[in-house]
Amino acid sequence: MARTRYFEKNDKAVVRRWQITLDGIRCHMGWGVADGVMRGSSMTLDDEAHALRHFTKKISEKERSGYVEVAPGTRRCGRRRSPIPRRTSGCSTWSGTATSTSRSPGTHAWS
């Protein structure tokens, strides 16, 4: 039976996620940022005792570096939001129009 444990770390403005699964002699690890793409790697170890040692060693390394265990599908660490709203496309939120004929080369209407 596979055992999976999930961890998170609030690293300044980014929530980092890490998970590890022990499945017999195989150990699968996944990592990434919240709301992002997860990366992963797998290892096949010599026997179940070696796999269990590797599993517990990796968990203790992550806990020492500040990760905390979370339940599957939950987010313990909150993500900080930027206080300044971000524009989603070009200059569509700017008011007024700019003409390049009244400016010297290399300057912009919003400068």
PDB file of N, CA and C in Angstrom:
ATOM      1  N   MET A   1       0.835  -1.185   0.000  1.00  0.00           N
ATOM      2  CA  MET A   1       0.000   0.000   0.000  1.00  0.00           C
ATOM      3  C   MET A   1       0.880   1.249   0.000  1.00  0.00           C
ATOM      4  N   ALA A   2       0.581   2.185  -0.877  1.00  0.00           N
ATOM      5  CA  ALA A   2       1.376   3.408  -0.994  1.00  0.00           C
ATOM      6  C   ALA A   2       1.026   4.381   0.131  1.00  0.00           C
ATOM      7  N   ARG A   3       2.056   5.041   0.641  1.00  0.00           N
ATOM      8  CA  ARG A   3       1.868   6.087   1.658  1.00  0.00           C
ATOM      9  C   ARG A   3       2.365   7.396   1.078  1.00  0.00           C
ATOM     10  N   THR A   4       1.521   8.422   1.120  1.00  0.00           N
ATOM     11  CA  THR A   4       1.894   9.739   0.602  1.00  0.00           C
ATOM     12  C   THR A   4       1.751  10.758   1.711  1.00  0.00           C
ATOM     13  N   ARG A   5       2.739  11.650   1.797  1.00  0.00           N
ATOM     14  CA  ARG A   5       2.691  12.753   2.760  1.00  0.00           C
ATOM     15  C   ARG A   5       2.936  14.050   2.008  1.00  0.00           C
ATOM     16  N   TYR A   6       2.244  15.120   2.449  1.00  0.00           N
ATOM     17  CA  TYR A   6       2.267  16.413   1.764  1.00  0.00           C
ATOM     18  C   TYR A   6       2.826  17.478   2.705  1.00  0.00           C
ATOM     19  N   PHE A   7       3.636  18.382   2.148  1.00  0.00           N
ATOM     20  CA  PHE A   7       4.281  19.431   2.930  1.00  0.00           C
ATOM     21  C   PHE A   7       4.207  20.756   2.178  1.00  0.00           C
ATOM     22  N   GLU A   8       4.219  21.857   2.948  1.00  0.00           N
ATOM     23  CA  GLU A   8       4.250  23.202   2.367  1.00  0.00           C
ATOM     24  C   GLU A   8       5.194  24.082   3.160  1.00  0.00           C
ATOM     25  N   LYS A   9       5.694  25.114   2.470  1.00  0.00           N
ATOM     26  CA  LYS A   9       6.569  26.095   3.102  1.00  0.00           C
ATOM     27  C   LYS A   9       6.226  27.463   2.531  1.00  0.00           C
ATOM     28  N   ASN A  10       5.969  28.425   3.403  1.00  0.00           N
ATOM     29  CA  ASN A  10       5.703  29.790   2.969  1.00  0.00           C
ATOM     30  C   ASN A  10       7.053  30.492   2.873  1.00  0.00           C
ATOM     31  N   ASP A  11       7.525  30.670   1.648  1.00  0.00           N
ATOM     32  CA  ASP A  11       8.849  31.228   1.394  1.00  0.00           C
ATOM     33  C   ASP A  11       8.686  32.632   0.822  1.00  0.00           C
ATOM     34  N   LYS A  12       8.604  33.621   1.701  1.00  0.00           N
ATOM     35  CA  LYS A  12       8.365  35.016   1.335  1.00  0.00           C
ATOM     36  C   LYS A  12       7.041  35.138   0.595  1.00  0.00           C
ATOM     37  N   ALA A  13       7.041  35.422  -0.684  1.00  0.00           N
ATOM     38  CA  ALA A  13       5.790  35.624  -1.424  1.00  0.00           C
ATOM     39  C   ALA A  13       5.337  34.366  -2.159  1.00  0.00           C
ATOM     40  N   VAL A  14       6.039  33.249  -1.977  1.00  0.00           N
ATOM     41  CA  VAL A  14       5.741  32.027  -2.717  1.00  0.00           C
ATOM     42  C   VAL A  14       5.457  30.892  -1.735  1.00  0.00           C
ATOM     43  N   VAL A  15       4.418  30.121  -2.008  1.00  0.00           N
ATOM     44  CA  VAL A  15       4.139  28.924  -1.219  1.00  0.00           C
ATOM     45  C   VAL A  15       4.719  27.741  -1.978  1.00  0.00           C
ATOM     46  N   ARG A  16       5.687  27.086  -1.375  1.00  0.00           N
ATOM     47  CA  ARG A  16       6.335  25.926  -1.995  1.00  0.00           C
ATOM     48  C   ARG A  16       5.676  24.648  -1.484  1.00  0.00           C
ATOM     49  N   ARG A  17       5.484  23.693  -2.375  1.00  0.00           N
ATOM     50  CA  ARG A  17       4.884  22.418  -2.019  1.00  0.00           C
ATOM     51  C   ARG A  17       5.851  21.282  -2.309  1.00  0.00           C
ATOM     52  N   TRP A  18       5.744  20.249  -1.485  1.00  0.00           N
ATOM     53  CA  TRP A  18       6.573  19.063  -1.659  1.00  0.00           C
ATOM     54  C   TRP A  18       5.769  17.864  -1.194  1.00  0.00           C
ATOM     55  N   GLN A  19       5.867  16.778  -1.909  1.00  0.00           N
ATOM     56  CA  GLN A  19       5.185  15.557  -1.502  1.00  0.00           C
ATOM     57  C   GLN A  19       6.082  14.365  -1.756  1.00  0.00           C
ATOM     58  N   ILE A  20       5.862  13.320  -0.971  1.00  0.00           N
ATOM     59  CA  ILE A  20       6.643  12.108  -1.119  1.00  0.00           C
ATOM     60  C   ILE A  20       5.717  10.907  -0.960  1.00  0.00           C
ATOM     61  N   THR A  21       5.930   9.912  -1.807  1.00  0.00           N
ATOM     62  CA  THR A  21       5.128   8.695  -1.781  1.00  0.00           C
ATOM     63  C   THR A  21       6.056   7.497  -1.686  1.00  0.00           C
ATOM     64  N   LEU A  22       5.761   6.624  -0.754  1.00  0.00           N
ATOM     65  CA  LEU A  22       6.496   5.365  -0.607  1.00  0.00           C
ATOM     66  C   LEU A  22       5.585   4.254  -1.087  1.00  0.00           C
ATOM     67  N   ASP A  23       6.035   3.518  -2.091  1.00  0.00           N
ATOM     68  CA  ASP A  23       5.239   2.433  -2.674  1.00  0.00           C
ATOM     69  C   ASP A  23       6.150   1.213  -2.823  1.00  0.00           C
ATOM     70  N   GLY A  24       6.201   0.403  -1.788  1.00  0.00           N
ATOM     71  CA  GLY A  24       7.080  -0.763  -1.802  1.00  0.00           C
ATOM     72  C   GLY A  24       8.538  -0.330  -1.783  1.00  0.00           C
ATOM     73  N   ILE A  25       9.261  -0.655  -2.853  1.00  0.00           N
ATOM     74  CA  ILE A  25      10.672  -0.252  -2.930  1.00  0.00           C
ATOM     75  C   ILE A  25      10.854   1.022  -3.760  1.00  0.00           C
ATOM     76  N   ARG A  26       9.757   1.623  -4.166  1.00  0.00           N
ATOM     77  CA  ARG A  26       9.814   2.854  -4.964  1.00  0.00           C
ATOM     78  C   ARG A  26       9.466   4.064  -4.103  1.00  0.00           C
ATOM     79  N   CYS A  27      10.184   5.152  -4.348  1.00  0.00           N
ATOM     80  CA  CYS A  27       9.944   6.409  -3.642  1.00  0.00           C
ATOM     81  C   CYS A  27       9.776   7.503  -4.696  1.00  0.00           C
ATOM     82  N   HIS A  28       8.610   8.158  -4.693  1.00  0.00           N
ATOM     83  CA  HIS A  28       8.308   9.218  -5.647  1.00  0.00           C
ATOM     84  C   HIS A  28       8.255  10.540  -4.892  1.00  0.00           C
ATOM     85  N   MET A  29       8.934  11.561  -5.417  1.00  0.00           N
ATOM     86  CA  MET A  29       8.899  12.900  -4.825  1.00  0.00           C
ATOM     87  C   MET A  29       8.392  13.880  -5.867  1.00  0.00           C
ATOM     88  N   GLY A  30       7.587  14.838  -5.407  1.00  0.00           N
ATOM     89  CA  GLY A  30       7.094  15.896  -6.280  1.00  0.00           C
ATOM     90  C   GLY A  30       7.277  17.232  -5.587  1.00  0.00           C
ATOM     91  N   TRP A  31       7.579  18.284  -6.350  1.00  0.00           N
ATOM     92  CA  TRP A  31       7.788  19.605  -5.769  1.00  0.00           C
ATOM     93  C   TRP A  31       7.389  20.681  -6.763  1.00  0.00           C
ATOM     94  N   GLY A  32       7.101  21.854  -6.229  1.00  0.00           N
ATOM     95  CA  GLY A  32       6.722  22.987  -7.070  1.00  0.00           C
ATOM     96  C   GLY A  32       6.155  24.100  -6.217  1.00  0.00           C
ATOM     97  N   VAL A  33       5.598  25.109  -6.856  1.00  0.00           N
ATOM     98  CA  VAL A  33       4.974  26.220  -6.150  1.00  0.00           C
ATOM     99  C   VAL A  33       3.464  26.070  -6.253  1.00  0.00           C
ATOM    100  N   ALA A  34       2.754  26.654  -5.279  1.00  0.00           N
ATOM    101  CA  ALA A  34       1.296  26.577  -5.282  1.00  0.00           C
ATOM    102  C   ALA A  34       0.757  27.191  -6.564  1.00  0.00           C
ATOM    103  N   ASP A  35      -0.261  26.602  -7.114  1.00  0.00           N
ATOM    104  CA  ASP A  35      -0.894  27.051  -8.357  1.00  0.00           C
ATOM    105  C   ASP A  35       0.062  27.005  -9.541  1.00  0.00           C
ATOM    106  N   GLY A  36       1.087  26.175  -9.453  1.00  0.00           N
ATOM    107  CA  GLY A  36       2.049  26.049 -10.536  1.00  0.00           C
ATOM    108  C   GLY A  36       2.224  24.596 -10.947  1.00  0.00           C
ATOM    109  N   VAL A  37       3.159  24.360 -11.810  1.00  0.00           N
ATOM    110  CA  VAL A  37       3.442  23.021 -12.303  1.00  0.00           C
ATOM    111  C   VAL A  37       4.325  22.291 -11.300  1.00  0.00           C
ATOM    112  N   MET A  38       3.980  21.040 -11.017  1.00  0.00           N
ATOM    113  CA  MET A  38       4.779  20.217 -10.119  1.00  0.00           C
ATOM    114  C   MET A  38       5.804  19.443 -10.949  1.00  0.00           C
ATOM    115  N   ARG A  39       6.991  19.343 -10.408  1.00  0.00           N
ATOM    116  CA  ARG A  39       8.033  18.504 -10.998  1.00  0.00           C
ATOM    117  C   ARG A  39       8.188  17.284 -10.124  1.00  0.00           C
ATOM    118  N   GLY A  40       8.885  16.274 -10.600  1.00  0.00           N
ATOM    119  CA  GLY A  40       9.023  15.094  -9.774  1.00  0.00           C
ATOM    120  C   GLY A  40      10.171  14.208 -10.182  1.00  0.00           C
ATOM    121  N   SER A  41      10.459  13.256  -9.297  1.00  0.00           N
ATOM    122  CA  SER A  41      11.460  12.240  -9.583  1.00  0.00           C
ATOM    123  C   SER A  41      11.089  10.974  -8.825  1.00  0.00           C
ATOM    124  N   SER A  42      11.581   9.850  -9.305  1.00  0.00           N
ATOM    125  CA  SER A  42      11.317   8.558  -8.679  1.00  0.00           C
ATOM    126  C   SER A  42      12.622   7.824  -8.466  1.00  0.00           C
ATOM    127  N   MET A  43      12.639   7.011  -7.419  1.00  0.00           N
ATOM    128  CA  MET A  43      13.807   6.173  -7.144  1.00  0.00           C
ATOM    129  C   MET A  43      13.325   4.764  -6.852  1.00  0.00           C
ATOM    130  N   THR A  44      14.050   3.793  -7.335  1.00  0.00           N
ATOM    131  CA  THR A  44      13.803   2.409  -6.971  1.00  0.00           C
ATOM    132  C   THR A  44      14.976   1.989  -6.093  1.00  0.00           C
ATOM    133  N   LEU A  45      14.668   1.588  -4.859  1.00  0.00           N
ATOM    134  CA  LEU A  45      15.707   1.268  -3.888  1.00  0.00           C
ATOM    135  C   LEU A  45      15.871  -0.240  -3.749  1.00  0.00           C
ATOM    136  N   ASP A  46      16.902  -0.663  -3.007  1.00  0.00           N
ATOM    137  CA  ASP A  46      17.266  -2.079  -2.924  1.00  0.00           C
ATOM    138  C   ASP A  46      16.180  -2.957  -2.296  1.00  0.00           C
ATOM    139  N   ASP A  47      15.637  -2.518  -1.173  1.00  0.00           N
ATOM    140  CA  ASP A  47      14.599  -3.295  -0.496  1.00  0.00           C
ATOM    141  C   ASP A  47      13.677  -2.348   0.263  1.00  0.00           C
ATOM    142  N   GLU A  48      12.636  -2.901   0.888  1.00  0.00           N
ATOM    143  CA  GLU A  48      11.660  -2.059   1.572  1.00  0.00           C
ATOM    144  C   GLU A  48      12.244  -1.339   2.775  1.00  0.00           C
ATOM    145  N   ALA A  49      13.195  -1.941   3.465  1.00  0.00           N
ATOM    146  CA  ALA A  49      13.830  -1.284   4.616  1.00  0.00           C
ATOM    147  C   ALA A  49      14.623  -0.061   4.158  1.00  0.00           C
ATOM    148  N   HIS A  50      15.351  -0.214   3.062  1.00  0.00           N
ATOM    149  CA  HIS A  50      16.120   0.903   2.512  1.00  0.00           C
ATOM    150  C   HIS A  50      15.177   2.010   2.036  1.00  0.00           C
ATOM    151  N   ALA A  51      14.075   1.644   1.398  1.00  0.00           N
ATOM    152  CA  ALA A  51      13.094   2.624   0.921  1.00  0.00           C
ATOM    153  C   ALA A  51      12.477   3.382   2.088  1.00  0.00           C
ATOM    154  N   LEU A  52      12.169   2.681   3.186  1.00  0.00           N
ATOM    155  CA  LEU A  52      11.599   3.336   4.359  1.00  0.00           C
ATOM    156  C   LEU A  52      12.597   4.304   4.992  1.00  0.00           C
ATOM    157  N   ARG A  53      13.877   3.919   5.060  1.00  0.00           N
ATOM    158  CA  ARG A  53      14.911   4.831   5.584  1.00  0.00           C
ATOM    159  C   ARG A  53      15.021   6.084   4.715  1.00  0.00           C
ATOM    160  N   HIS A  54      15.000   5.909   3.410  1.00  0.00           N
ATOM    161  CA  HIS A  54      15.078   7.037   2.484  1.00  0.00           C
ATOM    162  C   HIS A  54      13.854   7.952   2.659  1.00  0.00           C
ATOM    163  N   PHE A  55      12.676   7.377   2.761  1.00  0.00           N
ATOM    164  CA  PHE A  55      11.417   8.097   2.959  1.00  0.00           C
ATOM    165  C   PHE A  55      11.485   8.959   4.216  1.00  0.00           C
ATOM    166  N   THR A  56      11.876   8.382   5.339  1.00  0.00           N
ATOM    167  CA  THR A  56      11.934   9.137   6.601  1.00  0.00           C
ATOM    168  C   THR A  56      13.060  10.169   6.588  1.00  0.00           C
ATOM    169  N   LYS A  57      14.174   9.852   5.938  1.00  0.00           N
ATOM    170  CA  LYS A  57      15.290  10.809   5.844  1.00  0.00           C
ATOM    171  C   LYS A  57      14.881  12.055   5.066  1.00  0.00           C
ATOM    172  N   LYS A  58      14.215  11.872   3.923  1.00  0.00           N
ATOM    173  CA  LYS A  58      13.781  13.013   3.110  1.00  0.00           C
ATOM    174  C   LYS A  58      12.752  13.866   3.853  1.00  0.00           C
ATOM    175  N   ILE A  59      11.852  13.226   4.581  1.00  0.00           N
ATOM    176  CA  ILE A  59      10.856  13.973   5.356  1.00  0.00           C
ATOM    177  C   ILE A  59      11.535  14.808   6.430  1.00  0.00           C
ATOM    178  N   SER A  60      12.491  14.224   7.146  1.00  0.00           N
ATOM    179  CA  SER A  60      13.167  14.992   8.207  1.00  0.00           C
ATOM    180  C   SER A  60      13.992  16.138   7.622  1.00  0.00           C
ATOM    181  N   GLU A  61      14.584  15.954   6.437  1.00  0.00           N
ATOM    182  CA  GLU A  61      15.316  17.044   5.784  1.00  0.00           C
ATOM    183  C   GLU A  61      14.388  18.217   5.477  1.00  0.00           C
ATOM    184  N   LYS A  62      13.207  17.925   4.941  1.00  0.00           N
ATOM    185  CA  LYS A  62      12.263  18.988   4.601  1.00  0.00           C
ATOM    186  C   LYS A  62      11.736  19.681   5.846  1.00  0.00           C
ATOM    187  N   GLU A  63      11.453  18.924   6.902  1.00  0.00           N
ATOM    188  CA  GLU A  63      10.970  19.536   8.140  1.00  0.00           C
ATOM    189  C   GLU A  63      12.032  20.448   8.749  1.00  0.00           C
ATOM    190  N   ARG A  64      13.292  20.044   8.679  1.00  0.00           N
ATOM    191  CA  ARG A  64      14.375  20.898   9.188  1.00  0.00           C
ATOM    192  C   ARG A  64      14.510  22.181   8.377  1.00  0.00           C
ATOM    193  N   SER A  65      14.159  22.130   7.093  1.00  0.00           N
ATOM    194  CA  SER A  65      14.286  23.326   6.257  1.00  0.00           C
ATOM    195  C   SER A  65      13.030  24.206   6.285  1.00  0.00           C
ATOM    196  N   GLY A  66      12.055  23.869   7.138  1.00  0.00           N
ATOM    197  CA  GLY A  66      10.920  24.756   7.323  1.00  0.00           C
ATOM    198  C   GLY A  66       9.597  24.303   6.739  1.00  0.00           C
ATOM    199  N   TYR A  67       9.542  23.154   6.101  1.00  0.00           N
ATOM    200  CA  TYR A  67       8.283  22.643   5.567  1.00  0.00           C
ATOM    201  C   TYR A  67       7.438  22.086   6.705  1.00  0.00           C
ATOM    202  N   VAL A  68       6.113  22.250   6.589  1.00  0.00           N
ATOM    203  CA  VAL A  68       5.173  21.701   7.566  1.00  0.00           C
ATOM    204  C   VAL A  68       4.222  20.751   6.836  1.00  0.00           C
ATOM    205  N   GLU A  69       3.851  19.675   7.530  1.00  0.00           N
ATOM    206  CA  GLU A  69       2.963  18.694   6.911  1.00  0.00           C
ATOM    207  C   GLU A  69       1.540  19.228   6.858  1.00  0.00           C
ATOM    208  N   VAL A  70       0.865  18.975   5.747  1.00  0.00           N
ATOM    209  CA  VAL A  70      -0.524  19.387   5.555  1.00  0.00           C
ATOM    210  C   VAL A  70      -1.333  18.179   5.110  1.00  0.00           C
ATOM    211  N   ALA A  71      -2.641  18.269   5.317  1.00  0.00           N
ATOM    212  CA  ALA A  71      -3.536  17.208   4.857  1.00  0.00           C
ATOM    213  C   ALA A  71      -3.665  17.283   3.339  1.00  0.00           C
ATOM    214  N   PRO A  72      -3.928  16.165   2.680  1.00  0.00           N
ATOM    215  CA  PRO A  72      -4.083  16.194   1.217  1.00  0.00           C
ATOM    216  C   PRO A  72      -5.200  17.131   0.796  1.00  0.00           C
ATOM    217  N   GLY A  73      -4.941  17.939  -0.218  1.00  0.00           N
ATOM    218  CA  GLY A  73      -5.951  18.836  -0.771  1.00  0.00           C
ATOM    219  C   GLY A  73      -6.185  20.114   0.015  1.00  0.00           C
ATOM    220  N   THR A  74      -5.374  20.376   1.052  1.00  0.00           N
ATOM    221  CA  THR A  74      -5.544  21.614   1.823  1.00  0.00           C
ATOM    222  C   THR A  74      -4.337  22.503   1.635  1.00  0.00           C
ATOM    223  N   ARG A  75      -4.532  23.783   1.962  1.00  0.00           N
ATOM    224  CA  ARG A  75      -3.428  24.743   1.926  1.00  0.00           C
ATOM    225  C   ARG A  75      -3.302  25.352   3.295  1.00  0.00           C
ATOM    226  N   ARG A  76      -2.221  25.053   3.986  1.00  0.00           N
ATOM    227  CA  ARG A  76      -1.997  25.613   5.303  1.00  0.00           C
ATOM    228  C   ARG A  76      -1.419  27.014   5.204  1.00  0.00           C
ATOM    229  N   CYS A  77      -0.430  27.187   4.348  1.00  0.00           N
ATOM    230  CA  CYS A  77       0.247  28.476   4.198  1.00  0.00           C
ATOM    231  C   CYS A  77      -0.565  29.358   3.264  1.00  0.00           C
ATOM    232  N   GLY A  78      -0.881  30.555   3.718  1.00  0.00           N
ATOM    233  CA  GLY A  78      -1.606  31.487   2.862  1.00  0.00           C
ATOM    234  C   GLY A  78      -0.667  32.189   1.915  1.00  0.00           C
ATOM    235  N   ARG A  79      -1.158  32.498   0.761  1.00  0.00           N
ATOM    236  CA  ARG A  79      -0.357  33.226  -0.213  1.00  0.00           C
ATOM    237  C   ARG A  79      -0.576  34.703  -0.036  1.00  0.00           C
ATOM    238  N   ARG A  80       0.488  35.451   0.015  1.00  0.00           N
ATOM    239  CA  ARG A  80       0.352  36.908   0.117  1.00  0.00           C
ATOM    240  C   ARG A  80      -0.010  37.475  -1.234  1.00  0.00           C
ATOM    241  N   ARG A  81      -0.936  38.375  -1.243  1.00  0.00           N
ATOM    242  CA  ARG A  81      -1.338  39.020  -2.492  1.00  0.00           C
ATOM    243  C   ARG A  81      -0.630  40.362  -2.612  1.00  0.00           C
ATOM    244  N   SER A  82      -0.351  40.729  -3.825  1.00  0.00           N
ATOM    245  CA  SER A  82       0.280  42.002  -4.085  1.00  0.00           C
ATOM    246  C   SER A  82      -0.701  43.126  -3.767  1.00  0.00           C
ATOM    247  N   PRO A  83      -0.266  44.181  -3.061  1.00  0.00           N
ATOM    248  CA  PRO A  83      -1.184  45.275  -2.758  1.00  0.00           C
ATOM    249  C   PRO A  83      -1.524  46.115  -3.980  1.00  0.00           C
ATOM    250  N   ILE A  84      -0.757  45.993  -5.047  1.00  0.00           N
ATOM    251  CA  ILE A  84      -0.987  46.767  -6.262  1.00  0.00           C
ATOM    252  C   ILE A  84      -1.597  45.845  -7.309  1.00  0.00           C
ATOM    253  N   PRO A  85      -2.789  46.166  -7.807  1.00  0.00           N
ATOM    254  CA  PRO A  85      -3.382  45.306  -8.830  1.00  0.00           C
ATOM    255  C   PRO A  85      -2.524  45.313 -10.089  1.00  0.00           C
ATOM    256  N   ARG A  86      -2.428  44.177 -10.719  1.00  0.00           N
ATOM    257  CA  ARG A  86      -1.619  44.061 -11.928  1.00  0.00           C
ATOM    258  C   ARG A  86      -2.483  44.214 -13.161  1.00  0.00           C
ATOM    259  N   ARG A  87      -1.915  44.870 -14.186  1.00  0.00           N
ATOM    260  CA  ARG A  87      -2.609  44.961 -15.468  1.00  0.00           C
ATOM    261  C   ARG A  87      -2.490  43.621 -16.160  1.00  0.00           C
ATOM    262  N   THR A  88      -3.509  43.235 -16.871  1.00  0.00           N
ATOM    263  CA  THR A  88      -3.485  41.950 -17.546  1.00  0.00           C
ATOM    264  C   THR A  88      -3.142  42.051 -19.022  1.00  0.00           C
ATOM    265  N   SER A  89      -3.288  43.228 -19.621  1.00  0.00           N
ATOM    266  CA  SER A  89      -2.965  43.320 -21.045  1.00  0.00           C
ATOM    267  C   SER A  89      -2.485  44.722 -21.390  1.00  0.00           C
ATOM    268  N   GLY A  90      -1.405  44.784 -22.116  1.00  0.00           N
ATOM    269  CA  GLY A  90      -0.845  46.003 -22.689  1.00  0.00           C
ATOM    270  C   GLY A  90      -1.188  47.299 -22.001  1.00  0.00           C
ATOM    271  N   CYS A  91      -1.607  48.273 -22.784  1.00  0.00           N
ATOM    272  CA  CYS A  91      -1.950  49.601 -22.271  1.00  0.00           C
ATOM    273  C   CYS A  91      -3.445  49.852 -22.334  1.00  0.00           C
ATOM    274  N   SER A  92      -4.250  48.815 -22.356  1.00  0.00           N
ATOM    275  CA  SER A  92      -5.686  49.003 -22.498  1.00  0.00           C
ATOM    276  C   SER A  92      -6.300  49.696 -21.293  1.00  0.00           C
ATOM    277  N   THR A  93      -5.604  49.701 -20.155  1.00  0.00           N
ATOM    278  CA  THR A  93      -6.161  50.357 -18.977  1.00  0.00           C
ATOM    279  C   THR A  93      -5.774  51.825 -18.891  1.00  0.00           C
ATOM    280  N   TRP A  94      -4.913  52.295 -19.770  1.00  0.00           N
ATOM    281  CA  TRP A  94      -4.513  53.702 -19.750  1.00  0.00           C
ATOM    282  C   TRP A  94      -5.585  54.532 -20.427  1.00  0.00           C
ATOM    283  N   SER A  95      -5.802  55.720 -19.916  1.00  0.00           N
ATOM    284  CA  SER A  95      -6.784  56.605 -20.556  1.00  0.00           C
ATOM    285  C   SER A  95      -6.054  57.590 -21.458  1.00  0.00           C
ATOM    286  N   GLY A  96      -6.735  58.084 -22.437  1.00  0.00           N
ATOM    287  CA  GLY A  96      -6.133  59.046 -23.355  1.00  0.00           C
ATOM    288  C   GLY A  96      -5.403  58.348 -24.480  1.00  0.00           C
ATOM    289  N   THR A  97      -4.911  59.145 -25.401  1.00  0.00           N
ATOM    290  CA  THR A  97      -4.181  58.589 -26.535  1.00  0.00           C
ATOM    291  C   THR A  97      -2.842  59.288 -26.639  1.00  0.00           C
ATOM    292  N   ALA A  98      -1.930  58.642 -27.268  1.00  0.00           N
ATOM    293  CA  ALA A  98      -0.597  59.206 -27.451  1.00  0.00           C
ATOM    294  C   ALA A  98      -0.313  59.301 -28.940  1.00  0.00           C
ATOM    295  N   THR A  99       0.327  60.379 -29.330  1.00  0.00           N
ATOM    296  CA  THR A  99       0.734  60.520 -30.726  1.00  0.00           C
ATOM    297  C   THR A  99       2.244  60.655 -30.752  1.00  0.00           C
ATOM    298  N   SER A 100       2.844  59.950 -31.672  1.00  0.00           N
ATOM    299  CA  SER A 100       4.302  59.963 -31.727  1.00  0.00           C
ATOM    300  C   SER A 100       4.844  61.199 -32.431  1.00  0.00           C
ATOM    301  N   THR A 101       4.007  61.981 -33.088  1.00  0.00           N
ATOM    302  CA  THR A 101       4.499  63.135 -33.828  1.00  0.00           C
ATOM    303  C   THR A 101       4.916  64.283 -32.910  1.00  0.00           C
ATOM    304  N   SER A 102       4.349  64.363 -31.713  1.00  0.00           N
ATOM    305  CA  SER A 102       4.673  65.478 -30.835  1.00  0.00           C
ATOM    306  C   SER A 102       5.828  65.158 -29.871  1.00  0.00           C
ATOM    307  N   ARG A 103       6.418  63.993 -29.977  1.00  0.00           N
ATOM    308  CA  ARG A 103       7.482  63.596 -29.054  1.00  0.00           C
ATOM    309  C   ARG A 103       8.758  63.268 -29.824  1.00  0.00           C
ATOM    310  N   SER A 104       9.868  63.421 -29.141  1.00  0.00           N
ATOM    311  CA  SER A 104      11.126  63.057 -29.770  1.00  0.00           C
ATOM    312  C   SER A 104      11.275  61.538 -29.767  1.00  0.00           C
ATOM    313  N   PRO A 105      12.079  60.999 -30.659  1.00  0.00           N
ATOM    314  CA  PRO A 105      12.244  59.547 -30.741  1.00  0.00           C
ATOM    315  C   PRO A 105      12.738  58.989 -29.400  1.00  0.00           C
ATOM    316  N   GLY A 106      12.182  57.828 -29.028  1.00  0.00           N
ATOM    317  CA  GLY A 106      12.607  57.155 -27.808  1.00  0.00           C
ATOM    318  C   GLY A 106      11.820  57.537 -26.582  1.00  0.00           C
ATOM    319  N   THR A 107      10.896  58.487 -26.659  1.00  0.00           N
ATOM    320  CA  THR A 107      10.067  58.819 -25.495  1.00  0.00           C
ATOM    321  C   THR A 107       8.669  58.251 -25.692  1.00  0.00           C
ATOM    322  N   HIS A 108       7.978  58.093 -24.596  1.00  0.00           N
ATOM    323  CA  HIS A 108       6.654  57.491 -24.630  1.00  0.00           C
ATOM    324  C   HIS A 108       5.653  58.433 -23.997  1.00  0.00           C
ATOM    325  N   ALA A 109       4.403  58.270 -24.345  1.00  0.00           N
ATOM    326  CA  ALA A 109       3.348  59.119 -23.815  1.00  0.00           C
ATOM    327  C   ALA A 109       3.178  58.955 -22.319  1.00  0.00           C
ATOM    328  N   TRP A 110       3.513  57.788 -21.775  1.00  0.00           N
ATOM    329  CA  TRP A 110       3.311  57.539 -20.358  1.00  0.00           C
ATOM    330  C   TRP A 110       4.538  57.854 -19.528  1.00  0.00           C
ATOM    331  N   SER A 111       5.594  58.356 -20.125  1.00  0.00           N
ATOM    332  CA  SER A 111       6.822  58.690 -19.377  1.00  0.00           C
ATOM    333  C   SER A 111       6.643  59.957 -18.596  1.00  0.00           C
TER     334      SER A 111
END
